[in-house]
Amino acid sequence: MGFVEEVKTGNFSLYGHLLGLLSGVLLVVLSAVTFIAHLLYSILGIVFGTICIIIEIPLLLRICPTGPTVDSMFGGLKNHWWRFVAYLVFAVVMWSSLAKSGGVLVIGAATVTLAALCYLIAAVKKQSKVTMSVLGGTGARSANGIPNSQFVPI
């Protein structure tokens, strides 16, 4: 199943996954751009963005050697509700950058907010956890009852 077909599935877990990944990239890039002007929020943005990327790319957690502390810290974020809460906290902090005229950091705050909303909808609808198969995740087909073992890897 390609990228477009996975997006058309209507699974808000997948939308949250994509928006979380986009948020992570945007937070890291935009925080690096505004590092001098907004030191505190830029550091927080880089930390939040890195956490978003680590959470959203399952392949990274499989490749990186981790200890029990890291596993327990990120292991709980497999649940939609925990991801919603984590992204909501990230969003509130990044929205507060407006008080210090955060500028472009608001773009990262908006995408994190959208990711939190997608995970909230997925949790309320009790949708299964889906991640992009391109990034080493389950793929949308496995969530729809078709096992990944029936497909030939690219």
Protein backbone atom coordinates (compact mmCIF):
# COMPACT_ATOMS: atom_id res chain seq x y z
CA MET A 1 0.00 0.00 0.00
CA GLY A 2 1.44 3.33 -1.07
CA PHE A 3 1.49 6.61 0.74
CA VAL A 4 -1.67 7.96 -0.91
CA GLU A 5 -3.65 4.79 -0.20
CA GLU A 6 -2.59 4.86 3.46
CA VAL A 7 -3.69 8.48 3.80
CA LYS A 8 -7.10 7.68 2.25
CA THR A 9 -7.89 5.09 4.96
CA GLY A 10 -9.48 7.70 7.27
CA ASN A 11 -7.53 6.51 10.31
CA PHE A 12 -6.86 9.51 12.55
CA SER A 13 -4.01 7.62 14.18
CA LEU A 14 -2.22 7.77 10.83
CA TYR A 15 -3.02 11.47 10.45
CA GLY A 16 -1.67 12.10 13.95
CA HIS A 17 1.43 10.12 13.04
CA LEU A 18 2.03 12.20 9.91
CA LEU A 19 1.32 15.50 11.66
CA GLY A 20 3.52 14.47 14.60
CA LEU A 21 6.38 13.75 12.23
CA LEU A 22 5.83 17.03 10.40
CA SER A 23 5.68 18.82 13.76
CA GLY A 24 8.97 17.30 14.85
CA VAL A 25 10.75 18.38 11.69
CA LEU A 26 9.21 21.86 11.77
CA LEU A 27 10.01 22.37 15.44
CA VAL A 28 13.66 21.41 14.98
CA VAL A 29 14.13 23.50 11.82
CA LEU A 30 12.20 26.58 12.97
CA SER A 31 13.80 26.48 16.41
CA ALA A 32 17.24 26.36 14.83
CA VAL A 33 16.32 29.36 12.67
CA THR A 34 15.14 31.44 15.64
CA PHE A 35 17.75 30.18 18.10
CA ILE A 36 19.36 33.56 18.83
CA ALA A 37 16.13 35.55 19.05
CA HIS A 38 14.19 33.11 21.26
CA LEU A 39 16.75 31.02 23.13
CA LEU A 40 14.47 29.30 25.66
CA TYR A 41 11.67 28.47 23.25
CA SER A 42 14.15 27.39 20.60
CA ILE A 43 15.78 24.93 22.98
CA LEU A 44 12.36 23.63 24.02
CA GLY A 45 11.33 23.39 20.36
CA ILE A 46 14.43 21.37 19.48
CA VAL A 47 13.83 19.03 22.43
CA PHE A 48 10.11 18.64 21.65
CA GLY A 49 10.83 18.16 17.94
CA THR A 50 13.42 15.49 18.65
CA ILE A 51 11.01 13.67 20.95
CA CYS A 52 8.28 13.85 18.27
CA ILE A 53 10.62 12.37 15.67
CA ILE A 54 11.76 9.59 18.00
CA ILE A 55 8.16 8.77 18.95
CA GLU A 56 6.84 8.82 15.40
CA ILE A 57 9.51 6.82 13.57
CA PRO A 58 9.33 3.27 14.94
CA LEU A 59 12.46 2.32 13.02
CA LEU A 60 14.52 4.72 15.17
CA LEU A 61 13.46 3.01 18.38
CA ARG A 62 14.40 -0.38 16.89
CA ILE A 63 17.80 0.75 15.58
CA CYS A 64 18.97 2.78 18.57
CA PRO A 65 20.19 0.76 21.53
CA THR A 66 18.09 1.83 24.49
CA GLY A 67 18.07 0.99 28.13
CA PRO A 68 15.15 0.33 30.45
CA THR A 69 14.88 4.02 31.35
CA VAL A 70 14.37 5.12 27.73
CA ASP A 71 12.04 2.18 27.04
CA SER A 72 9.87 3.05 30.02
CA MET A 73 9.87 6.75 29.08
CA PHE A 74 8.81 6.27 25.45
CA GLY A 75 6.98 2.96 25.90
CA GLY A 76 3.94 4.62 27.40
CA LEU A 77 3.58 6.89 24.39
CA LYS A 78 2.28 4.01 22.26
CA ASN A 79 -1.22 4.75 23.53
CA HIS A 80 -3.33 7.40 21.74
CA TRP A 81 -4.30 9.08 25.00
CA TRP A 82 -0.68 9.48 26.12
CA ARG A 83 0.35 10.87 22.76
CA PHE A 84 -2.57 13.31 22.89
CA VAL A 85 -1.47 14.51 26.34
CA ALA A 86 2.21 14.75 25.33
CA TYR A 87 1.42 16.70 22.17
CA LEU A 88 -1.02 18.92 24.04
CA VAL A 89 1.70 19.83 26.55
CA PHE A 90 4.13 20.52 23.70
CA ALA A 91 1.49 22.67 22.00
CA VAL A 92 0.70 24.72 25.11
CA VAL A 93 4.39 25.45 25.67
CA MET A 94 4.97 26.39 22.05
CA TRP A 95 1.82 28.56 21.92
CA SER A 96 3.13 30.38 24.97
CA SER A 97 6.04 31.53 22.79
CA LEU A 98 3.59 34.09 21.40
CA ALA A 99 3.92 35.99 24.67
CA LYS A 100 7.57 36.60 23.74
CA SER A 101 6.74 37.21 20.06
CA GLY A 102 7.77 33.71 19.03
CA GLY A 103 7.20 34.42 15.35
CA VAL A 104 7.60 31.33 13.19
CA LEU A 105 7.52 28.98 16.20
CA VAL A 106 3.74 29.36 15.99
CA ILE A 107 3.82 27.17 12.86
CA GLY A 108 5.28 24.34 14.93
CA ALA A 109 2.72 24.99 17.65
CA ALA A 110 -0.12 24.76 15.13
CA THR A 111 1.06 21.44 13.70
CA VAL A 112 1.58 19.97 17.18
CA THR A 113 -1.94 21.08 18.08
CA LEU A 114 -3.35 19.39 14.97
CA ALA A 115 -1.43 16.20 15.80
CA ALA A 116 -2.87 16.26 19.33
CA LEU A 117 -6.38 16.68 17.94
CA CYS A 118 -5.90 13.76 15.54
CA TYR A 119 -4.71 11.52 18.37
CA LEU A 120 -7.69 12.65 20.48
CA ILE A 121 -10.12 11.72 17.70
CA ALA A 122 -8.34 8.38 17.19
CA ALA A 123 -8.57 7.65 20.92
CA VAL A 124 -12.26 8.57 21.11
CA LYS A 125 -13.03 6.45 18.03
CA LYS A 126 -10.84 3.64 19.46
CA GLN A 127 -8.93 3.32 16.22
CA SER A 128 -5.96 0.98 16.11
CA LYS A 129 -2.44 2.42 16.17
CA VAL A 130 -1.14 2.84 12.63
CA THR A 131 2.22 4.15 11.50
CA MET A 132 3.53 4.61 7.98
CA SER A 133 4.94 1.39 6.58
CA VAL A 134 7.55 3.46 4.73
CA LEU A 135 9.03 4.49 8.10
CA GLY A 136 9.18 0.96 9.50
CA GLY A 137 5.70 0.99 11.00
CA THR A 138 2.68 -1.26 10.79
CA GLY A 139 1.07 0.28 7.72
CA ALA A 140 -2.63 0.92 7.26
CA ARG A 141 -3.41 -2.53 5.84
CA SER A 142 -2.42 -4.35 9.02
CA ALA A 143 -4.84 -2.15 10.95
CA ASN A 144 -7.63 -3.08 8.56
CA GLY A 145 -7.29 -6.78 9.24
CA ILE A 146 -4.89 -7.75 6.46
CA PRO A 147 -1.54 -8.91 7.87
CA ASN A 148 1.65 -7.35 6.53
CA SER A 149 3.08 -10.82 5.84
CA GLN A 150 0.90 -11.03 2.71
CA PHE A 151 2.72 -8.16 1.06
CA VAL A 152 6.04 -8.16 -0.75
CA PRO A 153 8.46 -5.56 0.65
CA ILE A 154 9.77 -2.96 -1.77
